Amino acid sequence: QVQLVESGGGLVQAGGSVTLSCAVSGTTLRFNVMDWYRQAPGKQRELVAGISGAGRTNYAESVKGRFTISRDSANNTVYLQMNSLKPEDPAVYYCSAGRVSWGQGTQVTVSS
């Protein structure tokens, strides 16, 4: 059974940084596309960043140059480094394995 547990969210000042973590169990990172999604109130869930089993990354245009997805295969953990946070970034951030398994989400709030 695949389990994903996100952590690291919280209140961050605009322009600040935060790193989200996704601890993965029940599967191996190199066999999965790992994604970070986010969902703001009243909006659809959107893809933020992804990393393939081969390590190839992709990003939403709105976060390119500010967010970085990475993984630690030894610890089976995926990270999302979020820099230069903007007022449009607050949302619940979800980790996904293969877009089939999902974590419970972690809230990111940005204060102006």
PDB file of N, CA and C in Angstrom:
ATOM      1  N   GLN A   1       0.839  -1.185   0.000  1.00  0.00           N
ATOM      2  CA  GLN A   1       0.000   0.000   0.000  1.00  0.00           C
ATOM      3  C   GLN A   1       0.880   1.241   0.000  1.00  0.00           C
ATOM      4  N   VAL A   2       0.643   2.122  -0.968  1.00  0.00           N
ATOM      5  CA  VAL A   2       1.433   3.338  -1.074  1.00  0.00           C
ATOM      6  C   VAL A   2       0.872   4.390  -0.116  1.00  0.00           C
ATOM      7  N   GLN A   3       1.760   4.989   0.651  1.00  0.00           N
ATOM      8  CA  GLN A   3       1.365   6.065   1.553  1.00  0.00           C
ATOM      9  C   GLN A   3       2.271   7.261   1.335  1.00  0.00           C
ATOM     10  N   LEU A   4       1.663   8.424   1.306  1.00  0.00           N
ATOM     11  CA  LEU A   4       2.388   9.680   1.120  1.00  0.00           C
ATOM     12  C   LEU A   4       2.016  10.612   2.257  1.00  0.00           C
ATOM     13  N   VAL A   5       3.012  11.186   2.896  1.00  0.00           N
ATOM     14  CA  VAL A   5       2.762  12.087   4.011  1.00  0.00           C
ATOM     15  C   VAL A   5       3.514  13.385   3.776  1.00  0.00           C
ATOM     16  N   GLU A   6       2.757  14.453   3.553  1.00  0.00           N
ATOM     17  CA  GLU A   6       3.358  15.762   3.330  1.00  0.00           C
ATOM     18  C   GLU A   6       3.590  16.481   4.656  1.00  0.00           C
ATOM     19  N   SER A   7       4.580  17.342   4.645  1.00  0.00           N
ATOM     20  CA  SER A   7       4.857  18.179   5.811  1.00  0.00           C
ATOM     21  C   SER A   7       5.591  19.427   5.344  1.00  0.00           C
ATOM     22  N   GLY A   8       5.696  20.402   6.225  1.00  0.00           N
ATOM     23  CA  GLY A   8       6.490  21.588   5.938  1.00  0.00           C
ATOM     24  C   GLY A   8       5.697  22.831   5.624  1.00  0.00           C
ATOM     25  N   GLY A   9       4.385  22.711   5.491  1.00  0.00           N
ATOM     26  CA  GLY A   9       3.584  23.895   5.191  1.00  0.00           C
ATOM     27  C   GLY A   9       3.470  24.800   6.408  1.00  0.00           C
ATOM     28  N   GLY A  10       2.862  25.951   6.185  1.00  0.00           N
ATOM     29  CA  GLY A  10       2.678  26.899   7.276  1.00  0.00           C
ATOM     30  C   GLY A  10       2.506  28.300   6.746  1.00  0.00           C
ATOM     31  N   LEU A  11       2.711  29.253   7.634  1.00  0.00           N
ATOM     32  CA  LEU A  11       2.575  30.671   7.282  1.00  0.00           C
ATOM     33  C   LEU A  11       3.938  31.228   6.896  1.00  0.00           C
ATOM     34  N   VAL A  12       4.013  31.817   5.717  1.00  0.00           N
ATOM     35  CA  VAL A  12       5.268  32.357   5.204  1.00  0.00           C
ATOM     36  C   VAL A  12       5.012  33.773   4.704  1.00  0.00           C
ATOM     37  N   GLN A  13       5.972  34.646   4.889  1.00  0.00           N
ATOM     38  CA  GLN A  13       5.825  36.007   4.377  1.00  0.00           C
ATOM     39  C   GLN A  13       5.984  36.039   2.869  1.00  0.00           C
ATOM     40  N   ALA A  14       5.290  36.939   2.223  1.00  0.00           N
ATOM     41  CA  ALA A  14       5.480  37.125   0.790  1.00  0.00           C
ATOM     42  C   ALA A  14       6.958  37.406   0.515  1.00  0.00           C
ATOM     43  N   GLY A  15       7.466  36.748  -0.514  1.00  0.00           N
ATOM     44  CA  GLY A  15       8.876  36.863  -0.835  1.00  0.00           C
ATOM     45  C   GLY A  15       9.758  35.874  -0.105  1.00  0.00           C
ATOM     46  N   GLY A  16       9.170  35.171   0.832  1.00  0.00           N
ATOM     47  CA  GLY A  16       9.930  34.205   1.620  1.00  0.00           C
ATOM     48  C   GLY A  16       9.986  32.836   0.970  1.00  0.00           C
ATOM     49  N   SER A  17      10.527  31.891   1.727  1.00  0.00           N
ATOM     50  CA  SER A  17      10.739  30.540   1.219  1.00  0.00           C
ATOM     51  C   SER A  17      10.228  29.504   2.196  1.00  0.00           C
ATOM     52  N   VAL A  18       9.897  28.350   1.664  1.00  0.00           N
ATOM     53  CA  VAL A  18       9.514  27.212   2.482  1.00  0.00           C
ATOM     54  C   VAL A  18       9.782  25.959   1.670  1.00  0.00           C
ATOM     55  N   THR A  19      10.098  24.885   2.362  1.00  0.00           N
ATOM     56  CA  THR A  19      10.319  23.599   1.701  1.00  0.00           C
ATOM     57  C   THR A  19       9.301  22.585   2.190  1.00  0.00           C
ATOM     58  N   LEU A  20       8.591  22.002   1.258  1.00  0.00           N
ATOM     59  CA  LEU A  20       7.645  20.944   1.577  1.00  0.00           C
ATOM     60  C   LEU A  20       8.319  19.600   1.383  1.00  0.00           C
ATOM     61  N   SER A  21       7.952  18.643   2.226  1.00  0.00           N
ATOM     62  CA  SER A  21       8.481  17.282   2.127  1.00  0.00           C
ATOM     63  C   SER A  21       7.336  16.305   1.932  1.00  0.00           C
ATOM     64  N   CYS A  22       7.629  15.234   1.219  1.00  0.00           N
ATOM     65  CA  CYS A  22       6.659  14.167   1.017  1.00  0.00           C
ATOM     66  C   CYS A  22       7.356  12.847   1.279  1.00  0.00           C
ATOM     67  N   ALA A  23       7.049  12.249   2.407  1.00  0.00           N
ATOM     68  CA  ALA A  23       7.630  10.956   2.773  1.00  0.00           C
ATOM     69  C   ALA A  23       6.805   9.860   2.131  1.00  0.00           C
ATOM     70  N   VAL A  24       7.476   8.998   1.392  1.00  0.00           N
ATOM     71  CA  VAL A  24       6.796   7.970   0.595  1.00  0.00           C
ATOM     72  C   VAL A  24       7.107   6.590   1.159  1.00  0.00           C
ATOM     73  N   SER A  25       6.102   5.770   1.290  1.00  0.00           N
ATOM     74  CA  SER A  25       6.297   4.378   1.689  1.00  0.00           C
ATOM     75  C   SER A  25       5.441   3.489   0.803  1.00  0.00           C
ATOM     76  N   GLY A  26       5.867   2.238   0.649  1.00  0.00           N
ATOM     77  CA  GLY A  26       5.106   1.284  -0.145  1.00  0.00           C
ATOM     78  C   GLY A  26       5.453   1.271  -1.620  1.00  0.00           C
ATOM     79  N   THR A  27       6.376   2.122  -2.030  1.00  0.00           N
ATOM     80  CA  THR A  27       6.835   2.139  -3.421  1.00  0.00           C
ATOM     81  C   THR A  27       8.206   2.798  -3.464  1.00  0.00           C
ATOM     82  N   THR A  28       8.837   2.714  -4.630  1.00  0.00           N
ATOM     83  CA  THR A  28      10.169   3.268  -4.802  1.00  0.00           C
ATOM     84  C   THR A  28      10.114   4.447  -5.760  1.00  0.00           C
ATOM     85  N   LEU A  29      10.800   5.516  -5.418  1.00  0.00           N
ATOM     86  CA  LEU A  29      10.697   6.745  -6.198  1.00  0.00           C
ATOM     87  C   LEU A  29      11.099   6.549  -7.650  1.00  0.00           C
ATOM     88  N   ARG A  30      12.110   5.749  -7.904  1.00  0.00           N
ATOM     89  CA  ARG A  30      12.620   5.670  -9.272  1.00  0.00           C
ATOM     90  C   ARG A  30      11.629   4.979 -10.209  1.00  0.00           C
ATOM     91  N   PHE A  31      10.604   4.345  -9.651  1.00  0.00           N
ATOM     92  CA  PHE A  31       9.607   3.692 -10.487  1.00  0.00           C
ATOM     93  C   PHE A  31       8.359   4.546 -10.693  1.00  0.00           C
ATOM     94  N   ASN A  32       8.393   5.751 -10.160  1.00  0.00           N
ATOM     95  CA  ASN A  32       7.196   6.569 -10.204  1.00  0.00           C
ATOM     96  C   ASN A  32       7.492   7.975 -10.691  1.00  0.00           C
ATOM     97  N   VAL A  33       6.487   8.536 -11.368  1.00  0.00           N
ATOM     98  CA  VAL A  33       6.468   9.984 -11.553  1.00  0.00           C
ATOM     99  C   VAL A  33       5.891  10.572 -10.275  1.00  0.00           C
ATOM    100  N   MET A  34       6.625  11.472  -9.664  1.00  0.00           N
ATOM    101  CA  MET A  34       6.183  12.114  -8.433  1.00  0.00           C
ATOM    102  C   MET A  34       5.827  13.558  -8.754  1.00  0.00           C
ATOM    103  N   ASP A  35       4.664  13.964  -8.306  1.00  0.00           N
ATOM    104  CA  ASP A  35       4.180  15.305  -8.601  1.00  0.00           C
ATOM    105  C   ASP A  35       3.785  16.034  -7.322  1.00  0.00           C
ATOM    106  N   TRP A  36       3.862  17.340  -7.416  1.00  0.00           N
ATOM    107  CA  TRP A  36       3.238  18.224  -6.427  1.00  0.00           C
ATOM    108  C   TRP A  36       2.103  18.973  -7.129  1.00  0.00           C
ATOM    109  N   TYR A  37       0.942  18.922  -6.511  1.00  0.00           N
ATOM    110  CA  TYR A  37      -0.225  19.670  -6.977  1.00  0.00           C
ATOM    111  C   TYR A  37      -0.600  20.669  -5.882  1.00  0.00           C
ATOM    112  N   ARG A  38      -1.424  21.622  -6.249  1.00  0.00           N
ATOM    113  CA  ARG A  38      -1.981  22.516  -5.244  1.00  0.00           C
ATOM    114  C   ARG A  38      -3.421  22.834  -5.585  1.00  0.00           C
ATOM    115  N   GLN A  39      -4.170  23.154  -4.543  1.00  0.00           N
ATOM    116  CA  GLN A  39      -5.569  23.533  -4.728  1.00  0.00           C
ATOM    117  C   GLN A  39      -5.901  24.673  -3.783  1.00  0.00           C
ATOM    118  N   ALA A  40      -6.272  25.790  -4.368  1.00  0.00           N
ATOM    119  CA  ALA A  40      -6.703  26.956  -3.606  1.00  0.00           C
ATOM    120  C   ALA A  40      -8.220  26.919  -3.476  1.00  0.00           C
ATOM    121  N   PRO A  41      -8.776  27.579  -2.481  1.00  0.00           N
ATOM    122  CA  PRO A  41     -10.232  27.598  -2.303  1.00  0.00           C
ATOM    123  C   PRO A  41     -10.959  28.075  -3.558  1.00  0.00           C
ATOM    124  N   GLY A  42     -11.952  27.306  -3.981  1.00  0.00           N
ATOM    125  CA  GLY A  42     -12.744  27.686  -5.138  1.00  0.00           C
ATOM    126  C   GLY A  42     -12.085  27.430  -6.471  1.00  0.00           C
ATOM    127  N   LYS A  43     -10.900  26.825  -6.447  1.00  0.00           N
ATOM    128  CA  LYS A  43     -10.179  26.567  -7.699  1.00  0.00           C
ATOM    129  C   LYS A  43      -9.930  25.074  -7.874  1.00  0.00           C
ATOM    130  N   GLN A  44      -9.665  24.705  -9.114  1.00  0.00           N
ATOM    131  CA  GLN A  44      -9.341  23.313  -9.390  1.00  0.00           C
ATOM    132  C   GLN A  44      -7.919  22.989  -8.946  1.00  0.00           C
ATOM    133  N   ARG A  45      -7.706  21.730  -8.657  1.00  0.00           N
ATOM    134  CA  ARG A  45      -6.354  21.285  -8.327  1.00  0.00           C
ATOM    135  C   ARG A  45      -5.490  21.423  -9.572  1.00  0.00           C
ATOM    136  N   GLU A  46      -4.288  21.957  -9.398  1.00  0.00           N
ATOM    137  CA  GLU A  46      -3.402  22.167 -10.540  1.00  0.00           C
ATOM    138  C   GLU A  46      -2.028  21.570 -10.280  1.00  0.00           C
ATOM    139  N   LEU A  47      -1.404  21.120 -11.360  1.00  0.00           N
ATOM    140  CA  LEU A  47      -0.060  20.575 -11.265  1.00  0.00           C
ATOM    141  C   LEU A  47       0.933  21.709 -11.064  1.00  0.00           C
ATOM    142  N   VAL A  48       1.799  21.550 -10.079  1.00  0.00           N
ATOM    143  CA  VAL A  48       2.816  22.554  -9.780  1.00  0.00           C
ATOM    144  C   VAL A  48       4.167  22.120 -10.331  1.00  0.00           C
ATOM    145  N   ALA A  49       4.556  20.883 -10.040  1.00  0.00           N
ATOM    146  CA  ALA A  49       5.858  20.385 -10.475  1.00  0.00           C
ATOM    147  C   ALA A  49       5.847  18.868 -10.455  1.00  0.00           C
ATOM    148  N   GLY A  50       6.699  18.281 -11.305  1.00  0.00           N
ATOM    149  CA  GLY A  50       6.796  16.833 -11.347  1.00  0.00           C
ATOM    150  C   GLY A  50       8.223  16.405 -11.596  1.00  0.00           C
ATOM    151  N   ILE A  51       8.535  15.183 -11.180  1.00  0.00           N
ATOM    152  CA  ILE A  51       9.853  14.618 -11.424  1.00  0.00           C
ATOM    153  C   ILE A  51       9.663  13.167 -11.822  1.00  0.00           C
ATOM    154  N   SER A  52      10.272  12.781 -12.939  1.00  0.00           N
ATOM    155  CA  SER A  52      10.101  11.422 -13.439  1.00  0.00           C
ATOM    156  C   SER A  52      11.057  10.463 -12.738  1.00  0.00           C
ATOM    157  N   GLY A  53      10.868   9.188 -13.017  1.00  0.00           N
ATOM    158  CA  GLY A  53      11.768   8.196 -12.463  1.00  0.00           C
ATOM    159  C   GLY A  53      13.210   8.410 -12.894  1.00  0.00           C
ATOM    160  N   ALA A  54      13.383   8.995 -14.084  1.00  0.00           N
ATOM    161  CA  ALA A  54      14.725   9.273 -14.597  1.00  0.00           C
ATOM    162  C   ALA A  54      15.275  10.595 -14.089  1.00  0.00           C
ATOM    163  N   GLY A  55      14.458  11.334 -13.329  1.00  0.00           N
ATOM    164  CA  GLY A  55      14.930  12.589 -12.761  1.00  0.00           C
ATOM    165  C   GLY A  55      14.585  13.819 -13.574  1.00  0.00           C
ATOM    166  N   ARG A  56      13.831  13.641 -14.627  1.00  0.00           N
ATOM    167  CA  ARG A  56      13.429  14.780 -15.456  1.00  0.00           C
ATOM    168  C   ARG A  56      12.345  15.570 -14.716  1.00  0.00           C
ATOM    169  N   THR A  57      12.466  16.887 -14.734  1.00  0.00           N
ATOM    170  CA  THR A  57      11.516  17.726 -14.007  1.00  0.00           C
ATOM    171  C   THR A  57      10.682  18.575 -14.961  1.00  0.00           C
ATOM    172  N   ASN A  58       9.508  18.948 -14.494  1.00  0.00           N
ATOM    173  CA  ASN A  58       8.664  19.882 -15.229  1.00  0.00           C
ATOM    174  C   ASN A  58       7.930  20.752 -14.229  1.00  0.00           C
ATOM    175  N   TYR A  59       7.607  21.966 -14.664  1.00  0.00           N
ATOM    176  CA  TYR A  59       7.002  22.950 -13.766  1.00  0.00           C
ATOM    177  C   TYR A  59       5.867  23.695 -14.461  1.00  0.00           C
ATOM    178  N   ALA A  60       4.910  24.114 -13.660  1.00  0.00           N
ATOM    179  CA  ALA A  60       3.893  25.036 -14.157  1.00  0.00           C
ATOM    180  C   ALA A  60       4.576  26.363 -14.460  1.00  0.00           C
ATOM    181  N   GLU A  61       4.082  27.048 -15.474  1.00  0.00           N
ATOM    182  CA  GLU A  61       4.687  28.322 -15.864  1.00  0.00           C
ATOM    183  C   GLU A  61       4.712  29.308 -14.698  1.00  0.00           C
ATOM    184  N   SER A  62       3.681  29.247 -13.872  1.00  0.00           N
ATOM    185  CA  SER A  62       3.542  30.217 -12.787  1.00  0.00           C
ATOM    186  C   SER A  62       4.594  30.057 -11.697  1.00  0.00           C
ATOM    187  N   VAL A  63       5.291  28.909 -11.675  1.00  0.00           N
ATOM    188  CA  VAL A  63       6.276  28.684 -10.607  1.00  0.00           C
ATOM    189  C   VAL A  63       7.683  28.491 -11.142  1.00  0.00           C
ATOM    190  N   LYS A  64       7.847  28.480 -12.450  1.00  0.00           N
ATOM    191  CA  LYS A  64       9.183  28.280 -13.034  1.00  0.00           C
ATOM    192  C   LYS A  64      10.143  29.346 -12.534  1.00  0.00           C
ATOM    193  N   GLY A  65      11.318  28.900 -12.142  1.00  0.00           N
ATOM    194  CA  GLY A  65      12.321  29.815 -11.638  1.00  0.00           C
ATOM    195  C   GLY A  65      12.184  30.113 -10.159  1.00  0.00           C
ATOM    196  N   ARG A  66      11.071  29.729  -9.562  1.00  0.00           N
ATOM    197  CA  ARG A  66      10.862  29.984  -8.127  1.00  0.00           C
ATOM    198  C   ARG A  66      10.800  28.697  -7.319  1.00  0.00           C
ATOM    199  N   PHE A  67      10.218  27.647  -7.885  1.00  0.00           N
ATOM    200  CA  PHE A  67      10.050  26.375  -7.183  1.00  0.00           C
ATOM    201  C   PHE A  67      11.008  25.345  -7.761  1.00  0.00           C
ATOM    202  N   THR A  68      11.465  24.437  -6.918  1.00  0.00           N
ATOM    203  CA  THR A  68      12.327  23.353  -7.350  1.00  0.00           C
ATOM    204  C   THR A  68      11.857  22.050  -6.728  1.00  0.00           C
ATOM    205  N   ILE A  69      11.612  21.063  -7.578  1.00  0.00           N
ATOM    206  CA  ILE A  69      11.261  19.730  -7.084  1.00  0.00           C
ATOM    207  C   ILE A  69      12.519  18.869  -7.077  1.00  0.00           C
ATOM    208  N   SER A  70      12.658  18.068  -6.044  1.00  0.00           N
ATOM    209  CA  SER A  70      13.813  17.182  -5.965  1.00  0.00           C
ATOM    210  C   SER A  70      13.416  15.941  -5.181  1.00  0.00           C
ATOM    211  N   ARG A  71      14.294  14.976  -5.185  1.00  0.00           N
ATOM    212  CA  ARG A  71      13.986  13.752  -4.450  1.00  0.00           C
ATOM    213  C   ARG A  71      15.248  13.199  -3.811  1.00  0.00           C
ATOM    214  N   ASP A  72      15.051  12.498  -2.734  1.00  0.00           N
ATOM    215  CA  ASP A  72      16.116  11.793  -2.018  1.00  0.00           C
ATOM    216  C   ASP A  72      15.734  10.326  -2.031  1.00  0.00           C
ATOM    217  N   SER A  73      16.311   9.576  -2.960  1.00  0.00           N
ATOM    218  CA  SER A  73      15.921   8.176  -3.108  1.00  0.00           C
ATOM    219  C   SER A  73      16.297   7.347  -1.893  1.00  0.00           C
ATOM    220  N   ALA A  74      17.375   7.703  -1.244  1.00  0.00           N
ATOM    221  CA  ALA A  74      17.812   6.936  -0.066  1.00  0.00           C
ATOM    222  C   ALA A  74      16.775   7.013   1.048  1.00  0.00           C
ATOM    223  N   ASN A  75      16.131   8.181   1.169  1.00  0.00           N
ATOM    224  CA  ASN A  75      15.127   8.373   2.206  1.00  0.00           C
ATOM    225  C   ASN A  75      13.701   8.311   1.675  1.00  0.00           C
ATOM    226  N   ASN A  76      13.575   8.007   0.365  1.00  0.00           N
ATOM    227  CA  ASN A  76      12.247   7.899  -0.254  1.00  0.00           C
ATOM    228  C   ASN A  76      11.388   9.129   0.024  1.00  0.00           C
ATOM    229  N   THR A  77      11.992  10.291  -0.196  1.00  0.00           N
ATOM    230  CA  THR A  77      11.309  11.548   0.095  1.00  0.00           C
ATOM    231  C   THR A  77      11.420  12.481  -1.112  1.00  0.00           C
ATOM    232  N   VAL A  78      10.349  13.175  -1.373  1.00  0.00           N
ATOM    233  CA  VAL A  78      10.306  14.171  -2.442  1.00  0.00           C
ATOM    234  C   VAL A  78      10.138  15.539  -1.798  1.00  0.00           C
ATOM    235  N   TYR A  79      10.802  16.528  -2.354  1.00  0.00           N
ATOM    236  CA  TYR A  79      10.766  17.869  -1.793  1.00  0.00           C
ATOM    237  C   TYR A  79      10.245  18.875  -2.815  1.00  0.00           C
ATOM    238  N   LEU A  80       9.694  19.954  -2.297  1.00  0.00           N
ATOM    239  CA  LEU A  80       9.351  21.095  -3.134  1.00  0.00           C
ATOM    240  C   LEU A  80       9.879  22.342  -2.439  1.00  0.00           C
ATOM    241  N   GLN A  81      10.961  22.877  -2.978  1.00  0.00           N
ATOM    242  CA  GLN A  81      11.530  24.112  -2.467  1.00  0.00           C
ATOM    243  C   GLN A  81      10.806  25.272  -3.125  1.00  0.00           C
ATOM    244  N   MET A  82      10.212  26.119  -2.309  1.00  0.00           N
ATOM    245  CA  MET A  82       9.397  27.221  -2.821  1.00  0.00           C
ATOM    246  C   MET A  82      10.027  28.535  -2.399  1.00  0.00           C
ATOM    247  N   ASN A  83      10.493  29.299  -3.361  1.00  0.00           N
ATOM    248  CA  ASN A  83      11.130  30.591  -3.095  1.00  0.00           C
ATOM    249  C   ASN A  83      10.287  31.725  -3.663  1.00  0.00           C
ATOM    250  N   SER A  84      10.560  32.917  -3.201  1.00  0.00           N
ATOM    251  CA  SER A  84       9.884  34.129  -3.715  1.00  0.00           C
ATOM    252  C   SER A  84       8.374  33.937  -3.739  1.00  0.00           C
ATOM    253  N   LEU A  85       7.835  33.507  -2.619  1.00  0.00           N
ATOM    254  CA  LEU A  85       6.399  33.209  -2.563  1.00  0.00           C
ATOM    255  C   LEU A  85       5.567  34.454  -2.844  1.00  0.00           C
ATOM    256  N   LYS A  86       4.493  34.248  -3.590  1.00  0.00           N
ATOM    257  CA  LYS A  86       3.621  35.330  -4.032  1.00  0.00           C
ATOM    258  C   LYS A  86       2.232  35.161  -3.432  1.00  0.00           C
ATOM    259  N   PRO A  87       1.421  36.204  -3.470  1.00  0.00           N
ATOM    260  CA  PRO A  87       0.057  36.110  -2.938  1.00  0.00           C
ATOM    261  C   PRO A  87      -0.792  35.057  -3.630  1.00  0.00           C
ATOM    262  N   GLU A  88      -0.425  34.661  -4.862  1.00  0.00           N
ATOM    263  CA  GLU A  88      -1.218  33.646  -5.571  1.00  0.00           C
ATOM    264  C   GLU A  88      -0.781  32.215  -5.266  1.00  0.00           C
ATOM    265  N   ASP A  89       0.238  32.061  -4.429  1.00  0.00           N
ATOM    266  CA  ASP A  89       0.734  30.718  -4.102  1.00  0.00           C
ATOM    267  C   ASP A  89       0.006  29.999  -2.959  1.00  0.00           C
ATOM    268  N   PRO A  90      -0.711  30.674  -2.072  1.00  0.00           N
ATOM    269  CA  PRO A  90      -1.373  29.953  -0.977  1.00  0.00           C
ATOM    270  C   PRO A  90      -2.349  28.898  -1.479  1.00  0.00           C
ATOM    271  N   ALA A  91      -2.263  27.723  -0.901  1.00  0.00           N
ATOM    272  CA  ALA A  91      -3.109  26.606  -1.315  1.00  0.00           C
ATOM    273  C   ALA A  91      -2.794  25.433  -0.400  1.00  0.00           C
ATOM    274  N   VAL A  92      -3.569  24.381  -0.557  1.00  0.00           N
ATOM    275  CA  VAL A  92      -3.183  23.098   0.019  1.00  0.00           C
ATOM    276  C   VAL A  92      -2.338  22.400  -1.039  1.00  0.00           C
ATOM    277  N   TYR A  93      -1.159  21.994  -0.632  1.00  0.00           N
ATOM    278  CA  TYR A  93      -0.230  21.344  -1.549  1.00  0.00           C
ATOM    279  C   TYR A  93      -0.262  19.836  -1.307  1.00  0.00           C
ATOM    280  N   TYR A  94      -0.416  19.102  -2.409  1.00  0.00           N
ATOM    281  CA  TYR A  94      -0.535  17.650  -2.340  1.00  0.00           C
ATOM    282  C   TYR A  94       0.614  16.987  -3.093  1.00  0.00           C
ATOM    283  N   CYS A  95       1.054  15.887  -2.542  1.00  0.00           N
ATOM    284  CA  CYS A  95       2.049  15.051  -3.196  1.00  0.00           C
ATOM    285  C   CYS A  95       1.318  13.874  -3.841  1.00  0.00           C
ATOM    286  N   SER A  96       1.802  13.481  -5.011  1.00  0.00           N
ATOM    287  CA  SER A  96       1.177  12.371  -5.717  1.00  0.00           C
ATOM    288  C   SER A  96       2.233  11.428  -6.270  1.00  0.00           C
ATOM    289  N   ALA A  97       1.925  10.140  -6.221  1.00  0.00           N
ATOM    290  CA  ALA A  97       2.787   9.119  -6.835  1.00  0.00           C
ATOM    291  C   ALA A  97       2.023   8.533  -8.008  1.00  0.00           C
ATOM    292  N   GLY A  98       2.539   8.758  -9.194  1.00  0.00           N
ATOM    293  CA  GLY A  98       1.898   8.218 -10.373  1.00  0.00           C
ATOM    294  C   GLY A  98       0.512   8.771 -10.635  1.00  0.00           C
ATOM    295  N   ARG A  99       0.179   9.862  -9.972  1.00  0.00           N
ATOM    296  CA  ARG A  99      -1.145  10.490 -10.094  1.00  0.00           C
ATOM    297  C   ARG A  99      -2.248   9.493  -9.763  1.00  0.00           C
ATOM    298  N   VAL A 100      -1.878   8.533  -8.924  1.00  0.00           N
ATOM    299  CA  VAL A 100      -2.828   7.532  -8.450  1.00  0.00           C
ATOM    300  C   VAL A 100      -2.947   7.590  -6.939  1.00  0.00           C
ATOM    301  N   SER A 101      -1.807   7.693  -6.284  1.00  0.00           N
ATOM    302  CA  SER A 101      -1.795   7.773  -4.823  1.00  0.00           C
ATOM    303  C   SER A 101      -1.540   9.218  -4.413  1.00  0.00           C
ATOM    304  N   TRP A 102      -2.215   9.639  -3.346  1.00  0.00           N
ATOM    305  CA  TRP A 102      -2.157  11.036  -2.911  1.00  0.00           C
ATOM    306  C   TRP A 102      -1.942  11.120  -1.414  1.00  0.00           C
ATOM    307  N   GLY A 103      -1.271  12.194  -1.018  1.00  0.00           N
ATOM    308  CA  GLY A 103      -1.164  12.483   0.398  1.00  0.00           C
ATOM    309  C   GLY A 103      -2.367  13.281   0.858  1.00  0.00           C
ATOM    310  N   GLN A 104      -2.333  13.640   2.140  1.00  0.00           N
ATOM    311  CA  GLN A 104      -3.464  14.361   2.727  1.00  0.00           C
ATOM    312  C   GLN A 104      -3.363  15.861   2.502  1.00  0.00           C
ATOM    313  N   GLY A 105      -2.205  16.327   2.073  1.00  0.00           N
ATOM    314  CA  GLY A 105      -2.013  17.736   1.785  1.00  0.00           C
ATOM    315  C   GLY A 105      -1.432  18.508   2.951  1.00  0.00           C
ATOM    316  N   THR A 106      -0.774  19.603   2.634  1.00  0.00           N
ATOM    317  CA  THR A 106      -0.243  20.508   3.643  1.00  0.00           C
ATOM    318  C   THR A 106      -0.542  21.938   3.202  1.00  0.00           C
ATOM    319  N   GLN A 107      -0.997  22.746   4.140  1.00  0.00           N
ATOM    320  CA  GLN A 107      -1.444  24.098   3.836  1.00  0.00           C
ATOM    321  C   GLN A 107      -0.269  25.064   3.797  1.00  0.00           C
ATOM    322  N   VAL A 108      -0.221  25.880   2.761  1.00  0.00           N
ATOM    323  CA  VAL A 108       0.754  26.971   2.683  1.00  0.00           C
ATOM    324  C   VAL A 108      -0.025  28.280   2.625  1.00  0.00           C
ATOM    325  N   THR A 109       0.287  29.164   3.553  1.00  0.00           N
ATOM    326  CA  THR A 109      -0.355  30.474   3.615  1.00  0.00           C
ATOM    327  C   THR A 109       0.718  31.538   3.464  1.00  0.00           C
ATOM    328  N   VAL A 110       0.431  32.550   2.681  1.00  0.00           N
ATOM    329  CA  VAL A 110       1.401  33.619   2.444  1.00  0.00           C
ATOM    330  C   VAL A 110       0.841  34.919   3.000  1.00  0.00           C
ATOM    331  N   SER A 111       1.608  35.542   3.860  1.00  0.00           N
ATOM    332  CA  SER A 111       1.189  36.819   4.441  1.00  0.00           C
ATOM    333  C   SER A 111       1.853  37.971   3.692  1.00  0.00           C
ATOM    334  N   SER A 112       1.113  39.054   3.524  1.00  0.00           N
ATOM    335  CA  SER A 112       1.668  40.215   2.802  1.00  0.00           C
ATOM    336  C   SER A 112       2.360  41.159   3.755  1.00  0.00           C
TER     337      SER A 112
END
